[in-house]
Protein backbone atom coordinates (compact mmCIF):
# COMPACT_ATOMS: atom_id res chain seq x y z
CA UNK A 1 0.00 0.00 0.00
CA UNK A 2 2.83 2.38 0.81
CA UNK A 3 4.41 1.98 -2.63
CA UNK A 4 1.08 2.18 -4.44
CA UNK A 5 1.82 -0.92 -6.47
CA UNK A 6 1.13 -4.62 -6.36
CA UNK A 7 2.63 -7.17 -8.71
CA UNK A 8 1.02 -10.49 -9.56
CA UNK A 9 3.06 -13.09 -11.47
CA UNK A 10 0.02 -13.93 -13.62
CA UNK A 11 -0.08 -10.36 -14.96
CA UNK A 12 2.16 -10.98 -17.99
CA UNK A 13 -0.17 -13.67 -19.35
CA UNK A 14 -3.16 -11.42 -18.79
CA UNK A 15 -1.47 -8.55 -20.62
CA UNK A 16 -0.73 -10.82 -23.59
CA UNK A 17 -4.38 -11.93 -23.66
CA UNK A 18 -5.46 -8.29 -23.55
CA UNK A 19 -3.20 -7.47 -26.50
CA UNK A 20 -4.71 -10.34 -28.52
CA UNK A 21 -8.25 -9.21 -27.73
CA UNK A 22 -7.45 -5.60 -28.63
CA UNK A 23 -5.83 -6.75 -31.88
CA UNK A 24 -8.97 -8.76 -32.67
CA UNK A 25 -11.25 -5.76 -32.10
CA UNK A 26 -9.05 -3.56 -34.30
CA UNK A 27 -9.19 -6.22 -37.06
CA UNK A 28 -12.99 -6.15 -36.79
CA UNK A 29 -12.89 -2.35 -37.15
CA UNK A 30 -10.66 -2.64 -40.24
CA UNK A 31 -13.07 -5.19 -41.77
CA UNK A 32 -15.98 -2.86 -41.09
CA UNK A 33 -14.09 -0.02 -42.78
CA UNK A 34 -13.59 -2.19 -45.87
CA UNK A 35 -17.33 -2.95 -45.92
CA UNK A 36 -18.15 0.75 -45.82
CA UNK A 37 -19.39 0.72 -42.22
CA UNK A 38 -17.23 3.68 -41.20
CA UNK A 39 -19.38 4.80 -38.25
CA UNK A 40 -19.59 1.30 -36.81
CA UNK A 41 -15.84 0.85 -37.28
CA UNK A 42 -15.28 4.10 -35.38
CA UNK A 43 -17.53 2.87 -32.57
CA UNK A 44 -15.57 -0.40 -32.36
CA UNK A 45 -12.26 1.50 -32.16
CA UNK A 46 -13.63 3.76 -29.44
CA UNK A 47 -14.86 0.70 -27.52
CA UNK A 48 -11.41 -0.89 -27.79
CA UNK A 49 -9.70 2.31 -26.60
CA UNK A 50 -11.91 2.52 -23.52
CA UNK A 51 -11.56 -1.05 -22.26
CA UNK A 52 -10.81 -1.05 -18.53
CA UNK A 53 -7.23 -1.54 -17.45
CA UNK A 54 -5.94 -5.05 -17.00
CA UNK A 55 -5.99 -6.38 -13.43
CA UNK A 56 -5.62 -9.90 -12.10
CA UNK A 57 -7.96 -11.03 -9.34
CA UNK A 58 -5.25 -10.43 -6.77
CA UNK A 59 -4.51 -6.97 -8.14
CA UNK A 60 -8.21 -6.11 -8.12
CA UNK A 61 -8.46 -7.16 -4.44
CA UNK A 62 -5.32 -5.17 -3.61
CA UNK A 63 -6.71 -2.05 -5.32
CA UNK A 64 -10.05 -2.41 -3.53
CA UNK A 65 -8.28 -2.87 -0.18
CA UNK A 66 -6.07 0.18 -0.74
CA UNK A 67 -9.14 2.26 -1.67
CA UNK A 68 -10.94 1.00 1.43
CA UNK A 69 -8.03 2.03 3.66
CA UNK A 70 -7.84 5.41 1.96
CA UNK A 71 -11.58 6.02 2.44
CA UNK A 72 -11.34 4.90 6.05
CA UNK A 73 -8.46 7.27 6.76
CA UNK A 74 -10.44 10.16 5.24
CA UNK A 75 -13.61 9.51 7.24
CA UNK A 76 -12.13 8.68 10.64
CA UNK A 77 -11.18 11.64 12.81
CA UNK A 78 -7.49 12.14 13.31
CA UNK A 79 -6.53 11.21 16.83
CA UNK A 80 -4.50 13.94 18.38
CA UNK A 81 -2.59 13.82 21.60
CA UNK A 82 -5.08 15.91 23.56
CA UNK A 83 -4.63 16.26 27.27
CA UNK A 84 -7.46 15.23 29.51
CA UNK A 85 -7.69 18.10 32.00
CA UNK A 86 -9.82 16.08 34.42
CA UNK A 87 -7.12 13.48 34.83
CA UNK A 88 -4.45 16.13 35.23
CA UNK A 89 -6.38 17.87 38.01
CA UNK A 90 -6.86 14.57 39.86
CA UNK A 91 -3.13 13.89 40.14
PDB file of N, CA and C in Angstrom:
ATOM      1  N   UNK A   1       0.828  -1.189   0.000  1.00  0.00           N
ATOM      2  CA  UNK A   1       0.000   0.000   0.000  1.00  0.00           C
ATOM      3  C   UNK A   1       0.875   1.256   0.000  1.00  0.00           C
ATOM      4  N   UNK A   2       1.978   1.210   0.712  1.00  0.00           N
ATOM      5  CA  UNK A   2       2.835   2.381   0.809  1.00  0.00           C
ATOM      6  C   UNK A   2       3.482   2.731  -0.523  1.00  0.00           C
ATOM      7  N   UNK A   3       3.785   1.716  -1.328  1.00  0.00           N
ATOM      8  CA  UNK A   3       4.407   1.981  -2.626  1.00  0.00           C
ATOM      9  C   UNK A   3       3.380   2.291  -3.702  1.00  0.00           C
ATOM     10  N   UNK A   4       2.130   1.916  -3.450  1.00  0.00           N
ATOM     11  CA  UNK A   4       1.083   2.178  -4.437  1.00  0.00           C
ATOM     12  C   UNK A   4       1.072   1.180  -5.573  1.00  0.00           C
ATOM     13  N   UNK A   5       1.805   0.079  -5.410  1.00  0.00           N
ATOM     14  CA  UNK A   5       1.823  -0.919  -6.470  1.00  0.00           C
ATOM     15  C   UNK A   5       1.719  -2.318  -5.885  1.00  0.00           C
ATOM     16  N   UNK A   6       1.255  -3.216  -6.728  1.00  0.00           N
ATOM     17  CA  UNK A   6       1.130  -4.617  -6.363  1.00  0.00           C
ATOM     18  C   UNK A   6       1.407  -5.412  -7.618  1.00  0.00           C
ATOM     19  N   UNK A   7       2.269  -6.395  -7.525  1.00  0.00           N
ATOM     20  CA  UNK A   7       2.629  -7.172  -8.714  1.00  0.00           C
ATOM     21  C   UNK A   7       2.179  -8.609  -8.540  1.00  0.00           C
ATOM     22  N   UNK A   8       1.478  -9.108  -9.542  1.00  0.00           N
ATOM     23  CA  UNK A   8       1.020 -10.494  -9.561  1.00  0.00           C
ATOM     24  C   UNK A   8       1.752 -11.205 -10.698  1.00  0.00           C
ATOM     25  N   UNK A   9       2.334 -12.361 -10.430  1.00  0.00           N
ATOM     26  CA  UNK A   9       3.064 -13.087 -11.472  1.00  0.00           C
ATOM     27  C   UNK A   9       2.203 -13.457 -12.683  1.00  0.00           C
ATOM     28  N   UNK A  10       0.915 -13.568 -12.511  1.00  0.00           N
ATOM     29  CA  UNK A  10       0.021 -13.928 -13.624  1.00  0.00           C
ATOM     30  C   UNK A  10      -0.255 -12.749 -14.552  1.00  0.00           C
ATOM     31  N   UNK A  11       0.212 -11.573 -14.197  1.00  0.00           N
ATOM     32  CA  UNK A  11      -0.080 -10.362 -14.961  1.00  0.00           C
ATOM     33  C   UNK A  11       0.414 -10.428 -16.410  1.00  0.00           C
ATOM     34  N   UNK A  12       1.602 -10.970 -16.635  1.00  0.00           N
ATOM     35  CA  UNK A  12       2.163 -10.976 -17.990  1.00  0.00           C
ATOM     36  C   UNK A  12       1.277 -11.764 -18.956  1.00  0.00           C
ATOM     37  N   UNK A  13       0.734 -12.876 -18.497  1.00  0.00           N
ATOM     38  CA  UNK A  13      -0.166 -13.671 -19.349  1.00  0.00           C
ATOM     39  C   UNK A  13      -1.454 -12.899 -19.634  1.00  0.00           C
ATOM     40  N   UNK A  14      -1.944 -12.204 -18.626  1.00  0.00           N
ATOM     41  CA  UNK A  14      -3.163 -11.418 -18.788  1.00  0.00           C
ATOM     42  C   UNK A  14      -2.947 -10.268 -19.771  1.00  0.00           C
ATOM     43  N   UNK A  15      -1.791  -9.647 -19.706  1.00  0.00           N
ATOM     44  CA  UNK A  15      -1.471  -8.547 -20.624  1.00  0.00           C
ATOM     45  C   UNK A  15      -1.399  -9.064 -22.061  1.00  0.00           C
ATOM     46  N   UNK A  16      -0.798 -10.233 -22.250  1.00  0.00           N
ATOM     47  CA  UNK A  16      -0.732 -10.817 -23.590  1.00  0.00           C
ATOM     48  C   UNK A  16      -2.130 -11.134 -24.121  1.00  0.00           C
ATOM     49  N   UNK A  17      -2.997 -11.649 -23.260  1.00  0.00           N
ATOM     50  CA  UNK A  17      -4.376 -11.928 -23.664  1.00  0.00           C
ATOM     51  C   UNK A  17      -5.082 -10.634 -24.047  1.00  0.00           C
ATOM     52  N   UNK A  18      -4.850  -9.595 -23.265  1.00  0.00           N
ATOM     53  CA  UNK A  18      -5.465  -8.287 -23.548  1.00  0.00           C
ATOM     54  C   UNK A  18      -5.008  -7.761 -24.907  1.00  0.00           C
ATOM     55  N   UNK A  19      -3.720  -7.918 -25.210  1.00  0.00           N
ATOM     56  CA  UNK A  19      -3.203  -7.469 -26.503  1.00  0.00           C
ATOM     57  C   UNK A  19      -3.875  -8.218 -27.648  1.00  0.00           C
ATOM     58  N   UNK A  20      -4.063  -9.532 -27.480  1.00  0.00           N
ATOM     59  CA  UNK A  20      -4.706 -10.336 -28.519  1.00  0.00           C
ATOM     60  C   UNK A  20      -6.160  -9.910 -28.724  1.00  0.00           C
ATOM     61  N   UNK A  21      -6.855  -9.653 -27.636  1.00  0.00           N
ATOM     62  CA  UNK A  21      -8.253  -9.208 -27.729  1.00  0.00           C
ATOM     63  C   UNK A  21      -8.335  -7.845 -28.410  1.00  0.00           C
ATOM     64  N   UNK A  22      -7.468  -6.937 -28.026  1.00  0.00           N
ATOM     65  CA  UNK A  22      -7.449  -5.605 -28.632  1.00  0.00           C
ATOM     66  C   UNK A  22      -7.133  -5.699 -30.123  1.00  0.00           C
ATOM     67  N   UNK A  23      -6.180  -6.541 -30.471  1.00  0.00           N
ATOM     68  CA  UNK A  23      -5.830  -6.753 -31.879  1.00  0.00           C
ATOM     69  C   UNK A  23      -7.040  -7.290 -32.657  1.00  0.00           C
ATOM     70  N   UNK A  24      -7.774  -8.217 -32.034  1.00  0.00           N
ATOM     71  CA  UNK A  24      -8.974  -8.755 -32.674  1.00  0.00           C
ATOM     72  C   UNK A  24     -10.028  -7.693 -32.926  1.00  0.00           C
ATOM     73  N   UNK A  25     -10.260  -6.831 -31.929  1.00  0.00           N
ATOM     74  CA  UNK A  25     -11.246  -5.761 -32.102  1.00  0.00           C
ATOM     75  C   UNK A  25     -10.824  -4.790 -33.202  1.00  0.00           C
ATOM     76  N   UNK A  26      -9.527  -4.484 -33.260  1.00  0.00           N
ATOM     77  CA  UNK A  26      -9.048  -3.565 -34.296  1.00  0.00           C
ATOM     78  C   UNK A  26      -9.157  -4.206 -35.687  1.00  0.00           C
ATOM     79  N   UNK A  27      -8.976  -5.522 -35.780  1.00  0.00           N
ATOM     80  CA  UNK A  27      -9.192  -6.220 -37.056  1.00  0.00           C
ATOM     81  C   UNK A  27     -10.661  -6.150 -37.471  1.00  0.00           C
ATOM     82  N   UNK A  28     -11.557  -6.288 -36.507  1.00  0.00           N
ATOM     83  CA  UNK A  28     -12.993  -6.152 -36.792  1.00  0.00           C
ATOM     84  C   UNK A  28     -13.281  -4.750 -37.322  1.00  0.00           C
ATOM     85  N   UNK A  29     -12.679  -3.738 -36.698  1.00  0.00           N
ATOM     86  CA  UNK A  29     -12.888  -2.352 -37.147  1.00  0.00           C
ATOM     87  C   UNK A  29     -12.366  -2.167 -38.570  1.00  0.00           C
ATOM     88  N   UNK A  30     -11.197  -2.744 -38.877  1.00  0.00           N
ATOM     89  CA  UNK A  30     -10.660  -2.642 -40.240  1.00  0.00           C
ATOM     90  C   UNK A  30     -11.591  -3.325 -41.248  1.00  0.00           C
ATOM     91  N   UNK A  31     -12.130  -4.484 -40.879  1.00  0.00           N
ATOM     92  CA  UNK A  31     -13.074  -5.185 -41.766  1.00  0.00           C
ATOM     93  C   UNK A  31     -14.328  -4.346 -42.003  1.00  0.00           C
ATOM     94  N   UNK A  32     -14.797  -3.717 -40.953  1.00  0.00           N
ATOM     95  CA  UNK A  32     -15.983  -2.856 -41.092  1.00  0.00           C
ATOM     96  C   UNK A  32     -15.688  -1.668 -42.004  1.00  0.00           C
ATOM     97  N   UNK A  33     -14.480  -1.117 -41.887  1.00  0.00           N
ATOM     98  CA  UNK A  33     -14.088  -0.020 -42.784  1.00  0.00           C
ATOM     99  C   UNK A  33     -14.130  -0.473 -44.244  1.00  0.00           C
ATOM    100  N   UNK A  34     -13.601  -1.662 -44.500  1.00  0.00           N
ATOM    101  CA  UNK A  34     -13.590  -2.186 -45.874  1.00  0.00           C
ATOM    102  C   UNK A  34     -14.992  -2.430 -46.404  1.00  0.00           C
ATOM    103  N   UNK A  35     -15.941  -2.715 -45.515  1.00  0.00           N
ATOM    104  CA  UNK A  35     -17.328  -2.951 -45.919  1.00  0.00           C
ATOM    105  C   UNK A  35     -18.123  -1.645 -46.041  1.00  0.00           C
ATOM    106  N   UNK A  36     -17.477  -0.534 -45.719  1.00  0.00           N
ATOM    107  CA  UNK A  36     -18.150   0.753 -45.820  1.00  0.00           C
ATOM    108  C   UNK A  36     -18.888   1.167 -44.550  1.00  0.00           C
ATOM    109  N   UNK A  37     -18.730   0.414 -43.491  1.00  0.00           N
ATOM    110  CA  UNK A  37     -19.387   0.720 -42.216  1.00  0.00           C
ATOM    111  C   UNK A  37     -18.442   1.586 -41.358  1.00  0.00           C
ATOM    112  N   UNK A  38     -18.216   2.808 -41.825  1.00  0.00           N
ATOM    113  CA  UNK A  38     -17.231   3.684 -41.197  1.00  0.00           C
ATOM    114  C   UNK A  38     -17.645   4.074 -39.774  1.00  0.00           C
ATOM    115  N   UNK A  39     -18.902   4.378 -39.572  1.00  0.00           N
ATOM    116  CA  UNK A  39     -19.376   4.801 -38.250  1.00  0.00           C
ATOM    117  C   UNK A  39     -19.271   3.647 -37.255  1.00  0.00           C
ATOM    118  N   UNK A  40     -19.686   2.475 -37.678  1.00  0.00           N
ATOM    119  CA  UNK A  40     -19.595   1.304 -36.806  1.00  0.00           C
ATOM    120  C   UNK A  40     -18.130   0.968 -36.491  1.00  0.00           C
ATOM    121  N   UNK A  41     -17.263   1.093 -37.488  1.00  0.00           N
ATOM    122  CA  UNK A  41     -15.835   0.850 -37.276  1.00  0.00           C
ATOM    123  C   UNK A  41     -15.271   1.840 -36.260  1.00  0.00           C
ATOM    124  N   UNK A  42     -15.713   3.077 -36.349  1.00  0.00           N
ATOM    125  CA  UNK A  42     -15.284   4.097 -35.381  1.00  0.00           C
ATOM    126  C   UNK A  42     -15.764   3.760 -33.972  1.00  0.00           C
ATOM    127  N   UNK A  43     -16.995   3.272 -33.876  1.00  0.00           N
ATOM    128  CA  UNK A  43     -17.531   2.868 -32.568  1.00  0.00           C
ATOM    129  C   UNK A  43     -16.738   1.705 -31.974  1.00  0.00           C
ATOM    130  N   UNK A  44     -16.358   0.751 -32.825  1.00  0.00           N
ATOM    131  CA  UNK A  44     -15.574  -0.397 -32.356  1.00  0.00           C
ATOM    132  C   UNK A  44     -14.206   0.068 -31.865  1.00  0.00           C
ATOM    133  N   UNK A  45     -13.573   0.974 -32.582  1.00  0.00           N
ATOM    134  CA  UNK A  45     -12.263   1.496 -32.163  1.00  0.00           C
ATOM    135  C   UNK A  45     -12.381   2.253 -30.838  1.00  0.00           C
ATOM    136  N   UNK A  46     -13.435   3.032 -30.696  1.00  0.00           N
ATOM    137  CA  UNK A  46     -13.635   3.757 -29.444  1.00  0.00           C
ATOM    138  C   UNK A  46     -13.857   2.782 -28.290  1.00  0.00           C
ATOM    139  N   UNK A  47     -14.640   1.732 -28.534  1.00  0.00           N
ATOM    140  CA  UNK A  47     -14.858   0.703 -27.523  1.00  0.00           C
ATOM    141  C   UNK A  47     -13.532   0.077 -27.100  1.00  0.00           C
ATOM    142  N   UNK A  48     -12.708  -0.258 -28.076  1.00  0.00           N
ATOM    143  CA  UNK A  48     -11.411  -0.889 -27.789  1.00  0.00           C
ATOM    144  C   UNK A  48     -10.497   0.050 -27.008  1.00  0.00           C
ATOM    145  N   UNK A  49     -10.542   1.327 -27.320  1.00  0.00           N
ATOM    146  CA  UNK A  49      -9.701   2.310 -26.601  1.00  0.00           C
ATOM    147  C   UNK A  49     -10.131   2.481 -25.154  1.00  0.00           C
ATOM    148  N   UNK A  50     -11.394   2.273 -24.862  1.00  0.00           N
ATOM    149  CA  UNK A  50     -11.912   2.522 -23.515  1.00  0.00           C
ATOM    150  C   UNK A  50     -12.125   1.257 -22.685  1.00  0.00           C
ATOM    151  N   UNK A  51     -11.497   0.160 -23.085  1.00  0.00           N
ATOM    152  CA  UNK A  51     -11.562  -1.045 -22.263  1.00  0.00           C
ATOM    153  C   UNK A  51     -10.896  -0.764 -20.917  1.00  0.00           C
ATOM    154  N   UNK A  52     -11.426  -1.320 -19.842  1.00  0.00           N
ATOM    155  CA  UNK A  52     -10.815  -1.054 -18.534  1.00  0.00           C
ATOM    156  C   UNK A  52      -9.407  -1.625 -18.467  1.00  0.00           C
ATOM    157  N   UNK A  53      -8.615  -1.080 -17.573  1.00  0.00           N
ATOM    158  CA  UNK A  53      -7.230  -1.536 -17.454  1.00  0.00           C
ATOM    159  C   UNK A  53      -7.187  -2.986 -16.980  1.00  0.00           C
ATOM    160  N   UNK A  54      -6.107  -3.637 -17.305  1.00  0.00           N
ATOM    161  CA  UNK A  54      -5.944  -5.051 -17.002  1.00  0.00           C
ATOM    162  C   UNK A  54      -5.539  -5.230 -15.543  1.00  0.00           C
ATOM    163  N   UNK A  55      -6.311  -6.050 -14.820  1.00  0.00           N
ATOM    164  CA  UNK A  55      -5.987  -6.385 -13.435  1.00  0.00           C
ATOM    165  C   UNK A  55      -6.265  -7.864 -13.200  1.00  0.00           C
ATOM    166  N   UNK A  56      -5.345  -8.528 -12.521  1.00  0.00           N
ATOM    167  CA  UNK A  56      -5.618  -9.898 -12.103  1.00  0.00           C
ATOM    168  C   UNK A  56      -6.567  -9.846 -10.915  1.00  0.00           C
ATOM    169  N   UNK A  57      -7.074 -10.992 -10.510  1.00  0.00           N
ATOM    170  CA  UNK A  57      -7.964 -11.027  -9.344  1.00  0.00           C
ATOM    171  C   UNK A  57      -7.250 -10.488  -8.113  1.00  0.00           C
ATOM    172  N   UNK A  58      -6.012 -10.893  -7.933  1.00  0.00           N
ATOM    173  CA  UNK A  58      -5.249 -10.429  -6.771  1.00  0.00           C
ATOM    174  C   UNK A  58      -5.015  -8.927  -6.817  1.00  0.00           C
ATOM    175  N   UNK A  59      -4.705  -8.407  -7.999  1.00  0.00           N
ATOM    176  CA  UNK A  59      -4.505  -6.965  -8.137  1.00  0.00           C
ATOM    177  C   UNK A  59      -5.804  -6.212  -7.865  1.00  0.00           C
ATOM    178  N   UNK A  60      -6.914  -6.752  -8.345  1.00  0.00           N
ATOM    179  CA  UNK A  60      -8.214  -6.110  -8.118  1.00  0.00           C
ATOM    180  C   UNK A  60      -8.535  -6.050  -6.622  1.00  0.00           C
ATOM    181  N   UNK A  61      -8.246  -7.142  -5.888  1.00  0.00           N
ATOM    182  CA  UNK A  61      -8.463  -7.164  -4.443  1.00  0.00           C
ATOM    183  C   UNK A  61      -7.536  -6.162  -3.758  1.00  0.00           C
ATOM    184  N   UNK A  62      -6.278  -6.105  -4.198  1.00  0.00           N
ATOM    185  CA  UNK A  62      -5.320  -5.169  -3.605  1.00  0.00           C
ATOM    186  C   UNK A  62      -5.747  -3.723  -3.830  1.00  0.00           C
ATOM    187  N   UNK A  63      -6.239  -3.408  -5.020  1.00  0.00           N
ATOM    188  CA  UNK A  63      -6.710  -2.051  -5.317  1.00  0.00           C
ATOM    189  C   UNK A  63      -7.923  -1.716  -4.453  1.00  0.00           C
ATOM    190  N   UNK A  64      -8.857  -2.648  -4.345  1.00  0.00           N
ATOM    191  CA  UNK A  64     -10.052  -2.410  -3.527  1.00  0.00           C
ATOM    192  C   UNK A  64      -9.675  -2.208  -2.060  1.00  0.00           C
ATOM    193  N   UNK A  65      -8.716  -2.997  -1.573  1.00  0.00           N
ATOM    194  CA  UNK A  65      -8.278  -2.872  -0.184  1.00  0.00           C
ATOM    195  C   UNK A  65      -7.596  -1.522   0.057  1.00  0.00           C
ATOM    196  N   UNK A  66      -6.750  -1.118  -0.872  1.00  0.00           N
ATOM    197  CA  UNK A  66      -6.074   0.176  -0.743  1.00  0.00           C
ATOM    198  C   UNK A  66      -7.089   1.321  -0.762  1.00  0.00           C
ATOM    199  N   UNK A  67      -8.099   1.226  -1.628  1.00  0.00           N
ATOM    200  CA  UNK A  67      -9.143   2.256  -1.673  1.00  0.00           C
ATOM    201  C   UNK A  67      -9.934   2.274  -0.378  1.00  0.00           C
ATOM    202  N   UNK A  68     -10.213   1.095   0.166  1.00  0.00           N
ATOM    203  CA  UNK A  68     -10.935   1.004   1.432  1.00  0.00           C
ATOM    204  C   UNK A  68     -10.149   1.693   2.549  1.00  0.00           C
ATOM    205  N   UNK A  69      -8.856   1.411   2.625  1.00  0.00           N
ATOM    206  CA  UNK A  69      -8.031   2.030   3.660  1.00  0.00           C
ATOM    207  C   UNK A  69      -7.953   3.543   3.482  1.00  0.00           C
ATOM    208  N   UNK A  70      -7.891   3.973   2.235  1.00  0.00           N
ATOM    209  CA  UNK A  70      -7.841   5.408   1.962  1.00  0.00           C
ATOM    210  C   UNK A  70      -9.140   6.082   2.391  1.00  0.00           C
ATOM    211  N   UNK A  71     -10.287   5.471   2.044  1.00  0.00           N
ATOM    212  CA  UNK A  71     -11.585   6.020   2.441  1.00  0.00           C
ATOM    213  C   UNK A  71     -11.709   6.061   3.961  1.00  0.00           C
ATOM    214  N   UNK A  72     -11.253   4.988   4.591  1.00  0.00           N
ATOM    215  CA  UNK A  72     -11.341   4.902   6.047  1.00  0.00           C
ATOM    216  C   UNK A  72     -10.502   5.991   6.706  1.00  0.00           C
ATOM    217  N   UNK A  73      -9.326   6.248   6.162  1.00  0.00           N
ATOM    218  CA  UNK A  73      -8.465   7.268   6.755  1.00  0.00           C
ATOM    219  C   UNK A  73      -9.044   8.665   6.551  1.00  0.00           C
ATOM    220  N   UNK A  74      -9.832   8.851   5.489  1.00  0.00           N
ATOM    221  CA  UNK A  74     -10.440  10.160   5.243  1.00  0.00           C
ATOM    222  C   UNK A  74     -11.660  10.402   6.129  1.00  0.00           C
ATOM    223  N   UNK A  75     -12.378   9.328   6.482  1.00  0.00           N
ATOM    224  CA  UNK A  75     -13.612   9.506   7.235  1.00  0.00           C
ATOM    225  C   UNK A  75     -13.410   9.446   8.750  1.00  0.00           C
ATOM    226  N   UNK A  76     -12.362   8.771   9.202  1.00  0.00           N
ATOM    227  CA  UNK A  76     -12.130   8.681  10.639  1.00  0.00           C
ATOM    228  C   UNK A  76     -11.441   9.946  11.119  1.00  0.00           C
ATOM    229  N   UNK A  77     -11.839  10.435  12.293  1.00  0.00           N
ATOM    230  CA  UNK A  77     -11.181  11.636  12.813  1.00  0.00           C
ATOM    231  C   UNK A  77      -9.735  11.316  13.182  1.00  0.00           C
ATOM    232  N   UNK A  78      -8.900  12.295  12.981  1.00  0.00           N
ATOM    233  CA  UNK A  78      -7.492  12.137  13.310  1.00  0.00           C
ATOM    234  C   UNK A  78      -7.351  12.216  14.815  1.00  0.00           C
ATOM    235  N   UNK A  79      -6.712  11.213  15.388  1.00  0.00           N
ATOM    236  CA  UNK A  79      -6.527  11.211  16.830  1.00  0.00           C
ATOM    237  C   UNK A  79      -5.319  12.076  17.170  1.00  0.00           C
ATOM    238  N   UNK A  80      -5.578  13.055  17.957  1.00  0.00           N
ATOM    239  CA  UNK A  80      -4.505  13.940  18.379  1.00  0.00           C
ATOM    240  C   UNK A  80      -4.177  13.650  19.832  1.00  0.00           C
ATOM    241  N   UNK A  81      -3.013  14.013  20.227  1.00  0.00           N
ATOM    242  CA  UNK A  81      -2.588  13.819  21.600  1.00  0.00           C
ATOM    243  C   UNK A  81      -3.140  14.992  22.422  1.00  0.00           C
ATOM    244  N   UNK A  82      -4.404  14.849  22.821  1.00  0.00           N
ATOM    245  CA  UNK A  82      -5.084  15.906  23.564  1.00  0.00           C
ATOM    246  C   UNK A  82      -5.052  15.547  25.048  1.00  0.00           C
ATOM    247  N   UNK A  83      -4.696  16.504  25.830  1.00  0.00           N
ATOM    248  CA  UNK A  83      -4.632  16.260  27.267  1.00  0.00           C
ATOM    249  C   UNK A  83      -6.034  16.215  27.860  1.00  0.00           C
ATOM    250  N   UNK A  84      -6.210  15.322  28.790  1.00  0.00           N
ATOM    251  CA  UNK A  84      -7.459  15.229  29.510  1.00  0.00           C
ATOM    252  C   UNK A  84      -7.287  16.029  30.802  1.00  0.00           C
ATOM    253  N   UNK A  85      -7.873  17.202  30.856  1.00  0.00           N
ATOM    254  CA  UNK A  85      -7.691  18.103  31.996  1.00  0.00           C
ATOM    255  C   UNK A  85      -8.218  17.498  33.299  1.00  0.00           C
ATOM    256  N   UNK A  86      -9.267  16.696  33.207  1.00  0.00           N
ATOM    257  CA  UNK A  86      -9.819  16.080  34.415  1.00  0.00           C
ATOM    258  C   UNK A  86      -8.795  15.180  35.061  1.00  0.00           C
ATOM    259  N   UNK A  87      -8.136  14.375  34.279  1.00  0.00           N
ATOM    260  CA  UNK A  87      -7.119  13.478  34.826  1.00  0.00           C
ATOM    261  C   UNK A  87      -5.943  14.254  35.378  1.00  0.00           C
ATOM    262  N   UNK A  88      -5.591  15.340  34.735  1.00  0.00           N
ATOM    263  CA  UNK A  88      -4.449  16.129  35.231  1.00  0.00           C
ATOM    264  C   UNK A  88      -4.770  16.783  36.576  1.00  0.00           C
ATOM    265  N   UNK A  89      -6.011  17.231  36.746  1.00  0.00           N
ATOM    266  CA  UNK A  89      -6.384  17.865  38.009  1.00  0.00           C
ATOM    267  C   UNK A  89      -6.472  16.861  39.142  1.00  0.00           C
ATOM    268  N   UNK A  90      -6.720  15.585  38.838  1.00  0.00           N
ATOM    269  CA  UNK A  90      -6.860  14.566  39.861  1.00  0.00           C
ATOM    270  C   UNK A  90      -5.508  14.017  40.340  1.00  0.00           C
ATOM    271  N   UNK A  91      -4.442  14.399  39.739  1.00  0.00           N
ATOM    272  CA  UNK A  91      -3.125  13.888  40.139  1.00  0.00           C
ATOM    273  C   UNK A  91      -2.725  14.366  41.468  1.00  0.00           C
TER     274      UNK A  91
END
